[in-house]
Amino acid sequence: MQRAIERVDRCSRFKDPKTKRSRRTISLPRFVRDRLRRRYVERGAWLLEKGFGRPTPGTPVFDRASESWVPNTFNTAFSRMLRDAGVPPMRLHDLRHTFASMALDAGVDLKTVSSALGHSTISTTADIYVHVTDSLMRDAADRIDGAITTATRNAAANS
């Protein structure tokens, strides 16, 4: 779904995303898709059990008693999960930084990461969200070593 949720006068409501660029489809890893499907089935069973009826295709996966969550509820739930897992506190938004760094570390190109984050230019992604990791630095050194080794062998073979 390409909607945003906001809180106005103590009521949650859906709205269009802030920018045209915010309307995008992203691919999710299989484990996330599987978990969201499981959550949707669980929510449907819970709604039926509580007498709210069968969920429609537009019913949010994360809601309470067929009412959308207050946006800050996600932050509270996220903070509680981190605390319970013994993980140092962080903002939910910090997961964008983690995503960008992990994606690059896994070999995803900067343009794809930038597009997934909804940035209009890759420089925004590179300047704000991307943190160079040790493994990226090692990979760069290994690639340079490989290129020089290949060039040296080719030069020796052609002489």
N, C-alpha and C. Protein backbone atom coordinates (compact mmCIF):
# COMPACT_ATOMS: atom_id res chain seq x y z
N MET A 1 0.84 -1.17 0.00
CA MET A 1 0.00 0.00 0.00
C MET A 1 0.88 1.23 0.00
N GLN A 2 0.44 2.21 -0.66
CA GLN A 2 1.23 3.43 -0.76
C GLN A 2 0.51 4.55 -0.04
N ARG A 3 0.44 4.38 1.29
CA ARG A 3 -0.21 5.39 2.13
C ARG A 3 0.68 5.67 3.33
N ALA A 4 0.44 6.82 3.91
CA ALA A 4 1.11 7.18 5.16
C ALA A 4 0.02 7.33 6.20
N ILE A 5 0.38 7.26 7.45
CA ILE A 5 -0.59 7.42 8.51
C ILE A 5 -0.18 8.62 9.36
N GLU A 6 -1.16 9.39 9.76
CA GLU A 6 -0.89 10.55 10.60
C GLU A 6 -1.92 10.62 11.71
N ARG A 7 -1.60 11.38 12.73
CA ARG A 7 -2.50 11.54 13.89
C ARG A 7 -3.01 12.98 13.87
N VAL A 8 -4.33 13.15 13.79
CA VAL A 8 -4.95 14.48 13.78
C VAL A 8 -6.13 14.46 14.75
N ASP A 9 -6.15 15.41 15.66
CA ASP A 9 -7.24 15.50 16.63
C ASP A 9 -7.52 14.17 17.32
N ARG A 10 -6.46 13.52 17.79
CA ARG A 10 -6.55 12.25 18.51
C ARG A 10 -7.11 11.11 17.69
N CYS A 11 -7.10 11.25 16.36
CA CYS A 11 -7.56 10.18 15.46
C CYS A 11 -6.46 9.90 14.44
N SER A 12 -6.26 8.63 14.14
CA SER A 12 -5.32 8.25 13.09
C SER A 12 -6.05 8.22 11.77
N ARG A 13 -5.37 8.66 10.72
CA ARG A 13 -5.98 8.60 9.39
C ARG A 13 -4.88 8.39 8.35
N PHE A 14 -5.29 7.79 7.26
CA PHE A 14 -4.35 7.58 6.17
C PHE A 14 -4.30 8.81 5.29
N LYS A 15 -3.15 9.03 4.69
CA LYS A 15 -2.97 10.16 3.79
C LYS A 15 -1.99 9.75 2.70
N ASP A 16 -1.89 10.57 1.68
CA ASP A 16 -0.89 10.33 0.65
C ASP A 16 0.49 10.59 1.23
N PRO A 17 1.50 9.90 0.73
CA PRO A 17 2.87 10.17 1.21
C PRO A 17 3.28 11.63 0.94
N LYS A 18 4.33 12.08 1.63
CA LYS A 18 4.76 13.48 1.54
C LYS A 18 5.12 13.90 0.12
N THR A 19 5.84 13.06 -0.59
CA THR A 19 6.32 13.45 -1.92
C THR A 19 5.96 12.38 -2.94
N LYS A 20 6.03 12.77 -4.21
CA LYS A 20 5.80 11.82 -5.29
C LYS A 20 6.82 10.68 -5.23
N ARG A 21 8.02 11.01 -4.85
CA ARG A 21 9.10 10.03 -4.74
C ARG A 21 8.82 9.01 -3.63
N SER A 22 8.01 9.42 -2.64
CA SER A 22 7.68 8.52 -1.54
C SER A 22 6.77 7.39 -1.99
N ARG A 23 6.07 7.56 -3.10
CA ARG A 23 5.21 6.51 -3.64
C ARG A 23 6.07 5.56 -4.44
N ARG A 24 6.48 4.49 -3.79
CA ARG A 24 7.35 3.54 -4.46
C ARG A 24 7.07 2.14 -3.93
N THR A 25 7.45 1.18 -4.71
CA THR A 25 7.34 -0.21 -4.30
C THR A 25 8.74 -0.71 -4.03
N ILE A 26 8.92 -1.35 -2.89
CA ILE A 26 10.22 -1.91 -2.57
C ILE A 26 10.08 -3.42 -2.41
N SER A 27 11.14 -4.12 -2.69
CA SER A 27 11.15 -5.56 -2.50
C SER A 27 11.59 -5.85 -1.08
N LEU A 28 10.89 -6.76 -0.45
CA LEU A 28 11.23 -7.15 0.92
C LEU A 28 11.87 -8.53 0.91
N PRO A 29 12.80 -8.76 1.82
CA PRO A 29 13.37 -10.11 1.93
C PRO A 29 12.26 -11.13 2.23
N ARG A 30 12.48 -12.36 1.82
CA ARG A 30 11.48 -13.42 1.98
C ARG A 30 11.05 -13.56 3.44
N PHE A 31 12.00 -13.50 4.40
CA PHE A 31 11.61 -13.69 5.80
C PHE A 31 10.66 -12.59 6.27
N VAL A 32 10.79 -11.38 5.73
CA VAL A 32 9.88 -10.29 6.10
C VAL A 32 8.51 -10.53 5.48
N ARG A 33 8.49 -10.91 4.20
CA ARG A 33 7.20 -11.21 3.54
C ARG A 33 6.47 -12.34 4.27
N ASP A 34 7.22 -13.39 4.62
CA ASP A 34 6.61 -14.52 5.32
C ASP A 34 6.05 -14.09 6.67
N ARG A 35 6.78 -13.26 7.39
CA ARG A 35 6.31 -12.80 8.70
C ARG A 35 5.10 -11.90 8.57
N LEU A 36 5.07 -11.05 7.57
CA LEU A 36 3.90 -10.18 7.36
C LEU A 36 2.67 -11.00 6.98
N ARG A 37 2.85 -12.02 6.15
CA ARG A 37 1.72 -12.90 5.81
C ARG A 37 1.19 -13.59 7.05
N ARG A 38 2.10 -14.12 7.89
CA ARG A 38 1.70 -14.78 9.12
C ARG A 38 0.96 -13.82 10.04
N ARG A 39 1.46 -12.60 10.13
CA ARG A 39 0.82 -11.59 10.97
C ARG A 39 -0.58 -11.26 10.44
N TYR A 40 -0.73 -11.17 9.13
CA TYR A 40 -2.04 -10.87 8.54
C TYR A 40 -3.04 -11.97 8.87
N VAL A 41 -2.62 -13.23 8.78
CA VAL A 41 -3.49 -14.35 9.12
C VAL A 41 -3.84 -14.31 10.61
N GLU A 42 -2.84 -14.05 11.45
CA GLU A 42 -3.09 -13.95 12.90
C GLU A 42 -4.08 -12.84 13.21
N ARG A 43 -3.90 -11.67 12.58
CA ARG A 43 -4.80 -10.54 12.82
C ARG A 43 -6.21 -10.88 12.36
N GLY A 44 -6.33 -11.54 11.21
CA GLY A 44 -7.65 -11.92 10.72
C GLY A 44 -8.35 -12.84 11.69
N ALA A 45 -7.63 -13.83 12.21
CA ALA A 45 -8.22 -14.75 13.18
C ALA A 45 -8.64 -14.01 14.44
N TRP A 46 -7.80 -13.10 14.90
CA TRP A 46 -8.10 -12.33 16.12
C TRP A 46 -9.33 -11.45 15.90
N LEU A 47 -9.41 -10.77 14.75
CA LEU A 47 -10.56 -9.90 14.46
C LEU A 47 -11.86 -10.69 14.42
N LEU A 48 -11.82 -11.87 13.81
CA LEU A 48 -13.01 -12.73 13.75
C LEU A 48 -13.40 -13.19 15.15
N GLU A 49 -12.41 -13.62 15.92
CA GLU A 49 -12.67 -14.11 17.28
C GLU A 49 -13.30 -13.02 18.16
N LYS A 50 -12.87 -11.79 17.97
CA LYS A 50 -13.37 -10.68 18.80
C LYS A 50 -14.65 -10.06 18.24
N GLY A 51 -15.13 -10.60 17.10
CA GLY A 51 -16.39 -10.11 16.55
C GLY A 51 -16.29 -8.88 15.66
N PHE A 52 -15.10 -8.57 15.18
CA PHE A 52 -14.93 -7.40 14.32
C PHE A 52 -15.16 -7.73 12.84
N GLY A 53 -15.34 -9.00 12.54
CA GLY A 53 -15.58 -9.41 11.16
C GLY A 53 -14.29 -9.75 10.43
N ARG A 54 -14.48 -10.18 9.21
CA ARG A 54 -13.34 -10.59 8.38
C ARG A 54 -12.61 -9.34 7.87
N PRO A 55 -11.29 -9.33 7.96
CA PRO A 55 -10.55 -8.17 7.47
C PRO A 55 -10.66 -8.04 5.95
N THR A 56 -10.70 -6.82 5.48
CA THR A 56 -10.72 -6.56 4.05
C THR A 56 -9.28 -6.44 3.56
N PRO A 57 -9.04 -6.49 2.25
CA PRO A 57 -7.66 -6.37 1.76
C PRO A 57 -6.95 -5.08 2.21
N GLY A 58 -7.71 -4.03 2.51
CA GLY A 58 -7.09 -2.79 2.95
C GLY A 58 -6.85 -2.68 4.44
N THR A 59 -7.25 -3.70 5.20
CA THR A 59 -7.07 -3.66 6.65
C THR A 59 -5.58 -3.68 6.98
N PRO A 60 -5.12 -2.72 7.79
CA PRO A 60 -3.70 -2.71 8.14
C PRO A 60 -3.31 -3.99 8.89
N VAL A 61 -2.10 -4.44 8.66
CA VAL A 61 -1.61 -5.63 9.34
C VAL A 61 -1.40 -5.34 10.82
N PHE A 62 -0.99 -4.13 11.12
CA PHE A 62 -0.73 -3.75 12.49
C PHE A 62 -1.80 -2.75 12.93
N ASP A 63 -2.78 -3.26 13.60
CA ASP A 63 -3.85 -2.40 14.12
C ASP A 63 -4.34 -3.01 15.42
N ARG A 64 -5.19 -2.28 16.08
CA ARG A 64 -5.78 -2.77 17.33
C ARG A 64 -7.29 -2.63 17.20
N ALA A 65 -7.98 -3.74 17.37
CA ALA A 65 -9.44 -3.75 17.33
C ALA A 65 -9.96 -3.03 16.09
N SER A 66 -9.32 -3.29 14.95
CA SER A 66 -9.71 -2.72 13.67
C SER A 66 -9.47 -1.21 13.60
N GLU A 67 -8.76 -0.66 14.54
CA GLU A 67 -8.38 0.75 14.52
C GLU A 67 -6.88 0.82 14.25
N SER A 68 -6.48 1.75 13.37
CA SER A 68 -5.05 1.89 13.09
C SER A 68 -4.31 2.35 14.32
N TRP A 69 -3.09 1.91 14.43
CA TRP A 69 -2.26 2.31 15.55
C TRP A 69 -1.92 3.79 15.46
N VAL A 70 -1.72 4.38 16.59
CA VAL A 70 -1.15 5.72 16.64
C VAL A 70 0.30 5.58 16.20
N PRO A 71 0.77 6.44 15.28
CA PRO A 71 2.15 6.26 14.79
C PRO A 71 3.20 6.07 15.88
N ASN A 72 3.10 6.77 17.00
CA ASN A 72 4.10 6.63 18.06
C ASN A 72 4.07 5.26 18.72
N THR A 73 3.00 4.51 18.52
CA THR A 73 2.91 3.17 19.09
C THR A 73 4.03 2.28 18.56
N PHE A 74 4.39 2.47 17.29
CA PHE A 74 5.49 1.69 16.72
C PHE A 74 6.79 1.99 17.45
N ASN A 75 7.03 3.28 17.73
CA ASN A 75 8.26 3.64 18.45
C ASN A 75 8.29 3.02 19.83
N THR A 76 7.17 3.05 20.52
CA THR A 76 7.09 2.47 21.86
C THR A 76 7.33 0.97 21.81
N ALA A 77 6.67 0.29 20.88
CA ALA A 77 6.83 -1.16 20.75
C ALA A 77 8.27 -1.52 20.37
N PHE A 78 8.86 -0.73 19.48
CA PHE A 78 10.23 -0.97 19.05
C PHE A 78 11.19 -0.81 20.24
N SER A 79 11.01 0.25 21.02
CA SER A 79 11.86 0.48 22.19
C SER A 79 11.74 -0.66 23.19
N ARG A 80 10.53 -1.16 23.38
CA ARG A 80 10.30 -2.27 24.31
C ARG A 80 11.00 -3.54 23.81
N MET A 81 10.90 -3.81 22.50
CA MET A 81 11.55 -5.01 21.95
C MET A 81 13.06 -4.93 22.12
N LEU A 82 13.64 -3.75 21.88
CA LEU A 82 15.08 -3.59 22.04
C LEU A 82 15.48 -3.84 23.50
N ARG A 83 14.75 -3.23 24.43
CA ARG A 83 15.04 -3.38 25.85
C ARG A 83 14.95 -4.85 26.25
N ASP A 84 13.87 -5.53 25.83
CA ASP A 84 13.68 -6.93 26.19
C ASP A 84 14.77 -7.83 25.61
N ALA A 85 15.31 -7.43 24.46
CA ALA A 85 16.37 -8.23 23.81
C ALA A 85 17.76 -7.85 24.32
N GLY A 86 17.84 -6.83 25.19
CA GLY A 86 19.13 -6.40 25.71
C GLY A 86 19.95 -5.61 24.70
N VAL A 87 19.28 -5.00 23.73
CA VAL A 87 19.94 -4.21 22.69
C VAL A 87 19.93 -2.74 23.12
N PRO A 88 21.03 -2.02 22.92
CA PRO A 88 21.04 -0.60 23.30
C PRO A 88 19.93 0.18 22.59
N PRO A 89 19.42 1.22 23.23
CA PRO A 89 18.33 2.00 22.63
C PRO A 89 18.74 2.64 21.30
N MET A 90 17.79 2.72 20.40
CA MET A 90 17.97 3.43 19.13
C MET A 90 16.60 3.85 18.64
N ARG A 91 16.60 4.77 17.68
CA ARG A 91 15.33 5.20 17.10
C ARG A 91 14.93 4.23 15.99
N LEU A 92 13.66 4.10 15.77
CA LEU A 92 13.17 3.27 14.67
C LEU A 92 13.76 3.76 13.34
N HIS A 93 13.89 5.07 13.21
CA HIS A 93 14.46 5.65 11.99
C HIS A 93 15.90 5.19 11.75
N ASP A 94 16.62 4.84 12.81
CA ASP A 94 18.00 4.39 12.66
C ASP A 94 18.10 3.11 11.83
N LEU A 95 16.99 2.38 11.70
CA LEU A 95 17.01 1.18 10.87
C LEU A 95 17.26 1.51 9.40
N ARG A 96 16.95 2.74 8.98
CA ARG A 96 17.28 3.16 7.61
C ARG A 96 18.79 3.14 7.41
N HIS A 97 19.53 3.64 8.40
CA HIS A 97 20.99 3.64 8.33
C HIS A 97 21.50 2.20 8.29
N THR A 98 20.93 1.37 9.15
CA THR A 98 21.34 -0.03 9.20
C THR A 98 21.06 -0.71 7.86
N PHE A 99 19.86 -0.47 7.30
CA PHE A 99 19.52 -1.06 6.01
C PHE A 99 20.54 -0.65 4.94
N ALA A 100 20.82 0.64 4.85
CA ALA A 100 21.73 1.13 3.82
C ALA A 100 23.12 0.51 3.97
N SER A 101 23.63 0.49 5.19
CA SER A 101 24.96 -0.07 5.41
C SER A 101 25.00 -1.57 5.14
N MET A 102 23.98 -2.29 5.61
CA MET A 102 23.96 -3.75 5.39
C MET A 102 23.78 -4.09 3.91
N ALA A 103 22.96 -3.32 3.22
CA ALA A 103 22.75 -3.57 1.80
C ALA A 103 24.04 -3.37 1.02
N LEU A 104 24.75 -2.29 1.30
CA LEU A 104 26.02 -2.05 0.62
C LEU A 104 27.04 -3.12 0.98
N ASP A 105 27.06 -3.50 2.24
CA ASP A 105 27.98 -4.53 2.70
C ASP A 105 27.70 -5.86 1.99
N ALA A 106 26.42 -6.09 1.64
CA ALA A 106 26.03 -7.32 0.96
C ALA A 106 26.26 -7.23 -0.56
N GLY A 107 26.76 -6.07 -1.03
CA GLY A 107 27.06 -5.92 -2.45
C GLY A 107 25.97 -5.26 -3.27
N VAL A 108 24.93 -4.73 -2.64
CA VAL A 108 23.88 -4.03 -3.37
C VAL A 108 24.45 -2.69 -3.82
N ASP A 109 24.19 -2.31 -5.07
CA ASP A 109 24.76 -1.07 -5.59
C ASP A 109 24.07 0.16 -4.97
N LEU A 110 24.79 1.27 -4.96
CA LEU A 110 24.33 2.49 -4.31
C LEU A 110 23.04 3.02 -4.92
N LYS A 111 22.87 2.91 -6.22
CA LYS A 111 21.65 3.40 -6.88
C LYS A 111 20.42 2.63 -6.39
N THR A 112 20.54 1.33 -6.23
CA THR A 112 19.42 0.51 -5.75
C THR A 112 19.09 0.87 -4.30
N VAL A 113 20.10 1.03 -3.48
CA VAL A 113 19.88 1.41 -2.08
C VAL A 113 19.21 2.78 -2.02
N SER A 114 19.69 3.71 -2.82
CA SER A 114 19.12 5.06 -2.86
C SER A 114 17.66 5.03 -3.27
N SER A 115 17.34 4.24 -4.26
CA SER A 115 15.96 4.11 -4.73
C SER A 115 15.07 3.50 -3.65
N ALA A 116 15.56 2.48 -2.96
CA ALA A 116 14.78 1.85 -1.90
C ALA A 116 14.49 2.83 -0.77
N LEU A 117 15.43 3.73 -0.49
CA LEU A 117 15.24 4.72 0.56
C LEU A 117 14.38 5.90 0.10
N GLY A 118 14.13 5.99 -1.22
CA GLY A 118 13.30 7.06 -1.75
C GLY A 118 14.02 8.37 -1.96
N HIS A 119 15.33 8.31 -2.10
CA HIS A 119 16.10 9.53 -2.32
C HIS A 119 16.11 9.90 -3.80
N SER A 120 16.13 11.19 -4.09
CA SER A 120 16.13 11.64 -5.48
C SER A 120 17.53 11.55 -6.09
N THR A 121 18.57 11.56 -5.25
CA THR A 121 19.93 11.43 -5.77
C THR A 121 20.71 10.45 -4.89
N ILE A 122 21.69 9.80 -5.53
CA ILE A 122 22.51 8.86 -4.75
C ILE A 122 23.43 9.60 -3.80
N SER A 123 23.71 10.88 -4.08
CA SER A 123 24.58 11.63 -3.17
C SER A 123 23.92 11.80 -1.80
N THR A 124 22.59 11.94 -1.77
CA THR A 124 21.89 12.03 -0.49
C THR A 124 22.12 10.76 0.31
N THR A 125 21.97 9.63 -0.35
CA THR A 125 22.18 8.35 0.32
C THR A 125 23.61 8.22 0.80
N ALA A 126 24.55 8.54 -0.07
CA ALA A 126 25.97 8.39 0.28
C ALA A 126 26.37 9.33 1.41
N ASP A 127 25.87 10.56 1.37
CA ASP A 127 26.29 11.56 2.36
C ASP A 127 25.64 11.35 3.72
N ILE A 128 24.41 10.90 3.75
CA ILE A 128 23.68 10.85 5.02
C ILE A 128 23.57 9.46 5.61
N TYR A 129 23.29 8.45 4.78
CA TYR A 129 22.93 7.15 5.31
C TYR A 129 24.00 6.08 5.24
N VAL A 130 24.94 6.22 4.34
CA VAL A 130 25.88 5.13 4.13
C VAL A 130 27.11 5.31 5.02
N HIS A 131 27.41 4.27 5.75
CA HIS A 131 28.58 4.25 6.62
C HIS A 131 29.51 3.16 6.09
N VAL A 132 30.74 3.53 5.79
CA VAL A 132 31.68 2.57 5.25
C VAL A 132 32.06 1.59 6.35
N THR A 133 31.92 0.31 6.04
CA THR A 133 32.23 -0.72 7.03
C THR A 133 33.61 -1.31 6.76
N ASP A 134 34.15 -1.98 7.75
CA ASP A 134 35.46 -2.62 7.59
C ASP A 134 35.44 -3.61 6.44
N SER A 135 34.36 -4.36 6.31
CA SER A 135 34.33 -5.37 5.24
C SER A 135 34.27 -4.71 3.86
N LEU A 136 33.63 -3.55 3.75
CA LEU A 136 33.64 -2.83 2.47
C LEU A 136 35.05 -2.35 2.15
N MET A 137 35.77 -1.89 3.15
CA MET A 137 37.15 -1.44 2.93
C MET A 137 38.04 -2.62 2.52
N ARG A 138 37.85 -3.78 3.19
CA ARG A 138 38.63 -4.97 2.81
C ARG A 138 38.28 -5.41 1.39
N ASP A 139 36.99 -5.37 1.06
CA ASP A 139 36.55 -5.76 -0.27
C ASP A 139 37.17 -4.84 -1.33
N ALA A 140 37.21 -3.55 -1.05
CA ALA A 140 37.81 -2.60 -2.00
C ALA A 140 39.30 -2.93 -2.20
N ALA A 141 40.00 -3.18 -1.11
CA ALA A 141 41.43 -3.52 -1.20
C ALA A 141 41.62 -4.82 -1.98
N ASP A 142 40.77 -5.82 -1.72
CA ASP A 142 40.86 -7.10 -2.45
C ASP A 142 40.59 -6.93 -3.93
N ARG A 143 39.64 -6.09 -4.28
CA ARG A 143 39.33 -5.85 -5.70
C ARG A 143 40.49 -5.16 -6.41
N ILE A 144 41.07 -4.17 -5.73
CA ILE A 144 42.22 -3.48 -6.32
C ILE A 144 43.38 -4.46 -6.49
N ASP A 145 43.62 -5.27 -5.46
CA ASP A 145 44.68 -6.28 -5.54
C ASP A 145 44.44 -7.24 -6.71
N GLY A 146 43.18 -7.68 -6.85
CA GLY A 146 42.85 -8.59 -7.94
C GLY A 146 43.05 -7.95 -9.31
N ALA A 147 42.67 -6.69 -9.45
CA ALA A 147 42.82 -6.00 -10.73
C ALA A 147 44.29 -5.83 -11.08
N ILE A 148 45.11 -5.46 -10.09
CA ILE A 148 46.54 -5.27 -10.34
C ILE A 148 47.22 -6.60 -10.65
N THR A 149 46.86 -7.64 -9.91
CA THR A 149 47.43 -8.97 -10.15
C THR A 149 47.10 -9.45 -11.56
N THR A 150 45.82 -9.26 -11.96
CA THR A 150 45.41 -9.69 -13.32
C THR A 150 46.16 -8.88 -14.38
N ALA A 151 46.26 -7.57 -14.19
CA ALA A 151 46.95 -6.72 -15.16
C ALA A 151 48.41 -7.11 -15.27
N THR A 152 49.04 -7.41 -14.13
CA THR A 152 50.45 -7.79 -14.13
C THR A 152 50.65 -9.12 -14.85
N ARG A 153 49.76 -10.09 -14.60
CA ARG A 153 49.87 -11.39 -15.29
C ARG A 153 49.66 -11.22 -16.79
N ASN A 154 48.66 -10.42 -17.17
CA ASN A 154 48.38 -10.20 -18.60
C ASN A 154 49.59 -9.52 -19.28
N ALA A 155 50.17 -8.56 -18.60
CA ALA A 155 51.34 -7.86 -19.17
C ALA A 155 52.52 -8.82 -19.35
N ALA A 156 52.71 -9.69 -18.34
CA ALA A 156 53.81 -10.67 -18.41
C ALA A 156 53.55 -11.69 -19.52
N ALA A 157 52.31 -12.09 -19.71
CA ALA A 157 51.96 -13.08 -20.74
C ALA A 157 52.09 -12.49 -22.13
N ASN A 158 51.89 -11.19 -22.28
CA ASN A 158 51.95 -10.56 -23.61
C ASN A 158 53.34 -10.05 -23.95
N SER A 159 54.31 -10.19 -23.05
CA SER A 159 55.64 -9.67 -23.38
C SER A 159 56.59 -10.74 -23.82
